Amino acid sequence: MPLHVPQAPAPALRTVLTALGSPTAVREARTPSLRSAQGPLTAEHPLPVHVLDHITSTGASSTRLAGWRFLVHCGDRAIAAAETRLTPDGWAFSHFFEGPYITATERALRQAETMPGPYQPRLLSVPALYMLTLWLHGDCGADGTEGRPAATDLLVPLAPAPPGIAAHRPHRVAELLPVLTHRLTPTHVPLLGSPA
């Protein structure tokens, strides 16, 4: 089933295209694959990046939009990503980067295209667990910059995933959220030799 990718704000895309067209921005980027790319670079697969800062005791989560991420392609493969952020003056290019999440995102998007049912893809970051997931939202008409994960939405943890959480295995939010809640809940275990 084709994914219903939300449209990135035009100013966010413009800032990425301007950065890609700037020899200085590309040369100064800390991404060797971007600096050594042969051929034209394109910005594809725009995804809103949401951050899950905390989960409440009832499991309901609140997210905030952190920016838009574009996969930077050279030919038919992604070699880096470009990230934008919202500033008081509007959308601004933030930085280029590379690493395992680039290929993991591409793999998860291909995987999602074979799943039954329509989805709107987003990225969901869980900073406290050093975890990034492809969030497949069931409401394809929703504003991709707003909302919270619905119980029936799917989360696909990207590799590398935290220990005990399988990468590239789709989980319903209702199944994965309790695991994340348990991981994010601090335990108060006294240290040996410390006063109780």
C-alpha atoms as a PDB file:
ATOM      1  CA  MET A   1       0.000   0.000   0.000  1.00  0.00           C
ATOM      2  CA  PRO A   2       1.501   3.364  -0.911  1.00  0.00           C
ATOM      3  CA  LEU A   3       2.362   5.635   1.978  1.00  0.00           C
ATOM      4  CA  HIS A   4       0.698   9.031   2.269  1.00  0.00           C
ATOM      5  CA  VAL A   5       3.754  11.193   2.945  1.00  0.00           C
ATOM      6  CA  PRO A   6       2.777  14.543   4.469  1.00  0.00           C
ATOM      7  CA  GLN A   7       3.887  17.559   2.494  1.00  0.00           C
ATOM      8  CA  ALA A   8       6.814  19.386   4.047  1.00  0.00           C
ATOM      9  CA  PRO A   9       6.505  23.142   4.474  1.00  0.00           C
ATOM     10  CA  ALA A  10       7.825  24.819   1.304  1.00  0.00           C
ATOM     11  CA  PRO A  11      10.253  27.044   3.294  1.00  0.00           C
ATOM     12  CA  ALA A  12      11.765  23.956   4.971  1.00  0.00           C
ATOM     13  CA  LEU A  13      12.366  22.302   1.607  1.00  0.00           C
ATOM     14  CA  ARG A  14      13.802  25.549   0.191  1.00  0.00           C
ATOM     15  CA  THR A  15      16.362  25.788   3.012  1.00  0.00           C
ATOM     16  CA  VAL A  16      17.504  22.202   2.379  1.00  0.00           C
ATOM     17  CA  LEU A  17      17.772  22.752  -1.377  1.00  0.00           C
ATOM     18  CA  THR A  18      19.739  25.955  -0.768  1.00  0.00           C
ATOM     19  CA  ALA A  19      22.137  24.087   1.547  1.00  0.00           C
ATOM     20  CA  LEU A  20      22.531  21.250  -0.981  1.00  0.00           C
ATOM     21  CA  GLY A  21      23.288  23.820  -3.681  1.00  0.00           C
ATOM     22  CA  SER A  22      25.916  25.539  -1.554  1.00  0.00           C
ATOM     23  CA  PRO A  23      29.418  24.122  -2.103  1.00  0.00           C
ATOM     24  CA  THR A  24      30.448  25.641   1.230  1.00  0.00           C
ATOM     25  CA  ALA A  25      27.618  23.992   3.215  1.00  0.00           C
ATOM     26  CA  VAL A  26      28.289  20.596   1.624  1.00  0.00           C
ATOM     27  CA  ARG A  27      32.078  20.886   1.953  1.00  0.00           C
ATOM     28  CA  GLU A  28      31.872  21.898   5.628  1.00  0.00           C
ATOM     29  CA  ALA A  29      29.357  19.180   6.510  1.00  0.00           C
ATOM     30  CA  ARG A  30      30.693  16.426   8.758  1.00  0.00           C
ATOM     31  CA  THR A  31      29.407  13.813   6.359  1.00  0.00           C
ATOM     32  CA  PRO A  32      32.142  12.192   4.259  1.00  0.00           C
ATOM     33  CA  SER A  33      29.615  10.480   1.987  1.00  0.00           C
ATOM     34  CA  LEU A  34      28.037  13.839   1.148  1.00  0.00           C
ATOM     35  CA  ARG A  35      31.388  15.529   0.458  1.00  0.00           C
ATOM     36  CA  SER A  36      32.535  12.693  -1.815  1.00  0.00           C
ATOM     37  CA  ALA A  37      29.229  12.239  -3.691  1.00  0.00           C
ATOM     38  CA  GLN A  38      29.511  12.107  -7.464  1.00  0.00           C
ATOM     39  CA  GLY A  39      26.450  13.454  -9.202  1.00  0.00           C
ATOM     40  CA  PRO A  40      23.428  15.548  -8.301  1.00  0.00           C
ATOM     41  CA  LEU A  41      22.036  15.483  -4.765  1.00  0.00           C
ATOM     42  CA  THR A  42      18.289  15.492  -4.155  1.00  0.00           C
ATOM     43  CA  ALA A  43      16.170  15.872  -1.014  1.00  0.00           C
ATOM     44  CA  GLU A  44      13.541  13.139  -0.817  1.00  0.00           C
ATOM     45  CA  HIS A  45      11.154  11.464   1.641  1.00  0.00           C
ATOM     46  CA  PRO A  46      10.361  14.449   3.878  1.00  0.00           C
ATOM     47  CA  LEU A  47       9.296  13.237   7.316  1.00  0.00           C
ATOM     48  CA  PRO A  48       8.164  15.298  10.295  1.00  0.00           C
ATOM     49  CA  VAL A  49      10.276  14.467  13.351  1.00  0.00           C
ATOM     50  CA  HIS A  50       8.288  14.246  16.576  1.00  0.00           C
ATOM     51  CA  VAL A  51       9.872  13.903  20.009  1.00  0.00           C
ATOM     52  CA  LEU A  52       8.356  11.846  22.821  1.00  0.00           C
ATOM     53  CA  ASP A  53       9.653  13.565  25.942  1.00  0.00           C
ATOM     54  CA  HIS A  54       7.584  11.647  28.477  1.00  0.00           C
ATOM     55  CA  ILE A  55       4.850   9.088  28.917  1.00  0.00           C
ATOM     56  CA  THR A  56       2.183   9.606  31.547  1.00  0.00           C
ATOM     57  CA  SER A  57       1.150   6.946  34.064  1.00  0.00           C
ATOM     58  CA  THR A  58      -1.919   6.188  31.935  1.00  0.00           C
ATOM     59  CA  GLY A  59       0.335   5.530  28.957  1.00  0.00           C
ATOM     60  CA  ALA A  60      -0.882   8.557  27.002  1.00  0.00           C
ATOM     61  CA  SER A  61       2.039  10.299  25.413  1.00  0.00           C
ATOM     62  CA  SER A  62       2.546  13.832  24.285  1.00  0.00           C
ATOM     63  CA  THR A  63       4.810  14.675  21.392  1.00  0.00           C
ATOM     64  CA  ARG A  64       6.267  17.857  20.016  1.00  0.00           C
ATOM     65  CA  LEU A  65       7.376  18.622  16.484  1.00  0.00           C
ATOM     66  CA  ALA A  66      11.174  19.038  16.382  1.00  0.00           C
ATOM     67  CA  GLY A  67      11.607  19.590  12.644  1.00  0.00           C
ATOM     68  CA  TRP A  68      11.544  17.962   9.234  1.00  0.00           C
ATOM     69  CA  ARG A  69      14.072  15.413   7.989  1.00  0.00           C
ATOM     70  CA  PHE A  70      14.850  14.833   4.321  1.00  0.00           C
ATOM     71  CA  LEU A  71      16.850  11.883   3.013  1.00  0.00           C
ATOM     72  CA  VAL A  72      19.598  13.137   0.701  1.00  0.00           C
ATOM     73  CA  HIS A  73      19.897  10.904  -2.346  1.00  0.00           C
ATOM     74  CA  CYS A  74      22.726  10.582  -4.804  1.00  0.00           C
ATOM     75  CA  GLY A  75      21.409   8.444  -7.604  1.00  0.00           C
ATOM     76  CA  ASP A  76      19.109   5.758  -6.243  1.00  0.00           C
ATOM     77  CA  ARG A  77      20.342   5.574  -2.652  1.00  0.00           C
ATOM     78  CA  ALA A  78      20.242   7.755   0.423  1.00  0.00           C
ATOM     79  CA  ILE A  79      23.718   8.831   1.541  1.00  0.00           C
ATOM     80  CA  ALA A  80      22.852  11.385   4.224  1.00  0.00           C
ATOM     81  CA  ALA A  81      19.995  13.346   5.754  1.00  0.00           C
ATOM     82  CA  ALA A  82      19.226  17.030   6.086  1.00  0.00           C
ATOM     83  CA  GLU A  83      17.345  18.355   9.054  1.00  0.00           C
ATOM     84  CA  THR A  84      15.404  21.599   9.432  1.00  0.00           C
ATOM     85  CA  ARG A  85      14.058  23.279  12.532  1.00  0.00           C
ATOM     86  CA  LEU A  86      11.460  25.909  13.239  1.00  0.00           C
ATOM     87  CA  THR A  87      12.860  29.220  14.463  1.00  0.00           C
ATOM     88  CA  PRO A  88      11.062  32.455  15.395  1.00  0.00           C
ATOM     89  CA  ASP A  89      11.780  33.591  11.816  1.00  0.00           C
ATOM     90  CA  GLY A  90      10.413  30.432  10.199  1.00  0.00           C
ATOM     91  CA  TRP A  91      11.965  27.192   8.940  1.00  0.00           C
ATOM     92  CA  ALA A  92      15.770  27.050   8.834  1.00  0.00           C
ATOM     93  CA  PHE A  93      18.270  24.460   7.684  1.00  0.00           C
ATOM     94  CA  SER A  94      19.862  22.857  10.751  1.00  0.00           C
ATOM     95  CA  HIS A  95      22.479  20.312   9.622  1.00  0.00           C
ATOM     96  CA  PHE A  96      23.472  17.369   7.456  1.00  0.00           C
ATOM     97  CA  PHE A  97      24.292  14.016   9.036  1.00  0.00           C
ATOM     98  CA  GLU A  98      24.895  10.380   8.182  1.00  0.00           C
ATOM     99  CA  GLY A  99      24.938   7.115  10.082  1.00  0.00           C
ATOM    100  CA  PRO A 100      22.922   3.937  10.556  1.00  0.00           C
ATOM    101  CA  TYR A 101      19.555   5.681  10.857  1.00  0.00           C
ATOM    102  CA  ILE A 102      19.747   6.739   7.189  1.00  0.00           C
ATOM    103  CA  THR A 103      19.688   3.200   5.793  1.00  0.00           C
ATOM    104  CA  ALA A 104      17.375   2.063   8.602  1.00  0.00           C
ATOM    105  CA  THR A 105      14.853   4.769   7.670  1.00  0.00           C
ATOM    106  CA  GLU A 106      14.986   3.777   4.013  1.00  0.00           C
ATOM    107  CA  ARG A 107      14.536   0.111   4.919  1.00  0.00           C
ATOM    108  CA  ALA A 108      11.580   0.868   7.227  1.00  0.00           C
ATOM    109  CA  LEU A 109       9.889   2.989   4.539  1.00  0.00           C
ATOM    110  CA  ARG A 110      10.230   0.150   1.998  1.00  0.00           C
ATOM    111  CA  GLN A 111       8.890  -2.283   4.606  1.00  0.00           C
ATOM    112  CA  ALA A 112       5.923   0.016   5.350  1.00  0.00           C
ATOM    113  CA  GLU A 113       4.987   0.188   1.665  1.00  0.00           C
ATOM    114  CA  THR A 114       4.306  -3.576   1.722  1.00  0.00           C
ATOM    115  CA  MET A 115       2.012  -3.444   4.768  1.00  0.00           C
ATOM    116  CA  PRO A 116      -1.746  -3.645   4.363  1.00  0.00           C
ATOM    117  CA  GLY A 117      -3.630  -0.435   4.961  1.00  0.00           C
ATOM    118  CA  PRO A 118      -2.735   3.186   4.318  1.00  0.00           C
ATOM    119  CA  TYR A 119      -0.383   5.028   6.681  1.00  0.00           C
ATOM    120  CA  GLN A 120       1.109   8.469   7.062  1.00  0.00           C
ATOM    121  CA  PRO A 121       4.832   8.087   7.879  1.00  0.00           C
ATOM    122  CA  ARG A 122       6.498  10.215  10.537  1.00  0.00           C
ATOM    123  CA  LEU A 123       9.571   9.819  12.717  1.00  0.00           C
ATOM    124  CA  LEU A 124       9.220   9.507  16.479  1.00  0.00           C
ATOM    125  CA  SER A 125      12.284  10.061  18.636  1.00  0.00           C
ATOM    126  CA  VAL A 126      12.502   8.855  22.243  1.00  0.00           C
ATOM    127  CA  PRO A 127      15.646  10.673  23.457  1.00  0.00           C
ATOM    128  CA  ALA A 128      15.637   9.100  26.931  1.00  0.00           C
ATOM    129  CA  LEU A 129      16.107   5.656  25.321  1.00  0.00           C
ATOM    130  CA  TYR A 130      18.291   6.784  22.391  1.00  0.00           C
ATOM    131  CA  MET A 131      15.556   5.386  20.176  1.00  0.00           C
ATOM    132  CA  LEU A 132      14.177   6.429  16.798  1.00  0.00           C
ATOM    133  CA  THR A 133      11.101   4.840  15.219  1.00  0.00           C
ATOM    134  CA  LEU A 134       9.180   5.142  12.003  1.00  0.00           C
ATOM    135  CA  TRP A 135       5.715   6.126  13.225  1.00  0.00           C
ATOM    136  CA  LEU A 136       2.991   4.906  10.881  1.00  0.00           C
ATOM    137  CA  HIS A 137      -0.058   7.017  11.660  1.00  0.00           C
ATOM    138  CA  GLY A 138      -3.405   5.531  10.615  1.00  0.00           C
ATOM    139  CA  ASP A 139      -5.109   8.855   9.815  1.00  0.00           C
ATOM    140  CA  CYS A 140      -3.640   9.738   6.423  1.00  0.00           C
ATOM    141  CA  GLY A 141      -5.539  13.024   6.255  1.00  0.00           C
ATOM    142  CA  ALA A 142      -4.139  14.307   9.550  1.00  0.00           C
ATOM    143  CA  ASP A 143      -1.777  17.240   9.817  1.00  0.00           C
ATOM    144  CA  GLY A 144       1.620  15.528   9.960  1.00  0.00           C
ATOM    145  CA  THR A 145       2.954  18.162  12.330  1.00  0.00           C
ATOM    146  CA  GLU A 146       0.433  17.518  15.091  1.00  0.00           C
ATOM    147  CA  GLY A 147      -1.040  14.706  17.113  1.00  0.00           C
ATOM    148  CA  ARG A 148      -0.021  11.885  19.344  1.00  0.00           C
ATOM    149  CA  PRO A 149       0.427   8.195  18.590  1.00  0.00           C
ATOM    150  CA  ALA A 150      -2.946   6.438  18.507  1.00  0.00           C
ATOM    151  CA  ALA A 151      -3.201   2.975  20.092  1.00  0.00           C
ATOM    152  CA  THR A 152      -3.639   1.374  16.653  1.00  0.00           C
ATOM    153  CA  ASP A 153      -0.745   3.238  15.001  1.00  0.00           C
ATOM    154  CA  LEU A 154       2.410   1.261  14.278  1.00  0.00           C
ATOM    155  CA  LEU A 155       5.922   2.031  15.497  1.00  0.00           C
ATOM    156  CA  VAL A 156       8.860   0.449  13.675  1.00  0.00           C
ATOM    157  CA  PRO A 157      12.041   0.817  15.786  1.00  0.00           C
ATOM    158  CA  LEU A 158      15.005   1.729  13.603  1.00  0.00           C
ATOM    159  CA  ALA A 159      18.361  -0.003  13.943  1.00  0.00           C
ATOM    160  CA  PRO A 160      20.181   0.345  16.213  1.00  0.00           C
ATOM    161  CA  ALA A 161      17.302  -0.145  18.655  1.00  0.00           C
ATOM    162  CA  PRO A 162      17.663  -0.289  22.453  1.00  0.00           C
ATOM    163  CA  PRO A 163      18.468  -3.723  23.924  1.00  0.00           C
ATOM    164  CA  GLY A 164      15.388  -5.937  24.143  1.00  0.00           C
ATOM    165  CA  ILE A 165      13.459  -4.073  21.435  1.00  0.00           C
ATOM    166  CA  ALA A 166      13.557  -5.679  17.997  1.00  0.00           C
ATOM    167  CA  ALA A 167      14.551  -3.310  15.203  1.00  0.00           C
ATOM    168  CA  HIS A 168      12.406  -3.257  12.057  1.00  0.00           C
ATOM    169  CA  ARG A 169       9.589  -5.190  13.728  1.00  0.00           C
ATOM    170  CA  PRO A 170       6.287  -3.258  13.597  1.00  0.00           C
ATOM    171  CA  HIS A 171       4.613  -2.858  16.997  1.00  0.00           C
ATOM    172  CA  ARG A 172       1.188  -1.420  17.718  1.00  0.00           C
ATOM    173  CA  VAL A 173       1.515   1.638  19.938  1.00  0.00           C
ATOM    174  CA  ALA A 174      -0.723  -0.087  22.509  1.00  0.00           C
ATOM    175  CA  GLU A 175       1.837  -2.934  22.738  1.00  0.00           C
ATOM    176  CA  LEU A 176       5.087  -0.937  22.653  1.00  0.00           C
ATOM    177  CA  LEU A 177       4.071   2.003  24.870  1.00  0.00           C
ATOM    178  CA  PRO A 178       3.912  -0.116  28.076  1.00  0.00           C
ATOM    179  CA  VAL A 179       7.446  -1.391  27.359  1.00  0.00           C
ATOM    180  CA  LEU A 180       8.688   2.164  26.873  1.00  0.00           C
ATOM    181  CA  THR A 181       6.815   3.291  29.998  1.00  0.00           C
ATOM    182  CA  HIS A 182       8.556   0.590  32.034  1.00  0.00           C
ATOM    183  CA  ARG A 183      11.940   1.575  30.614  1.00  0.00           C
ATOM    184  CA  LEU A 184      11.389   5.267  31.302  1.00  0.00           C
ATOM    185  CA  THR A 185      10.135   4.757  34.879  1.00  0.00           C
ATOM    186  CA  PRO A 186      13.006   5.303  37.295  1.00  0.00           C
ATOM    187  CA  THR A 187      13.569   2.545  39.796  1.00  0.00           C
ATOM    188  CA  HIS A 188      14.718   3.417  43.288  1.00  0.00           C
ATOM    189  CA  VAL A 189      17.134   0.675  44.235  1.00  0.00           C
ATOM    190  CA  PRO A 190      19.499   1.572  47.094  1.00  0.00           C
ATOM    191  CA  LEU A 191      23.171   1.149  46.269  1.00  0.00           C
ATOM    192  CA  LEU A 192      25.083  -1.434  48.262  1.00  0.00           C
ATOM    193  CA  GLY A 193      26.810   0.144  51.214  1.00  0.00           C
ATOM    194  CA  SER A 194      24.610   3.235  51.105  1.00  0.00           C
ATOM    195  CA  PRO A 195      22.294   4.150  53.947  1.00  0.00           C
ATOM    196  CA  ALA A 196      18.766   2.857  53.404  1.00  0.00           C
END
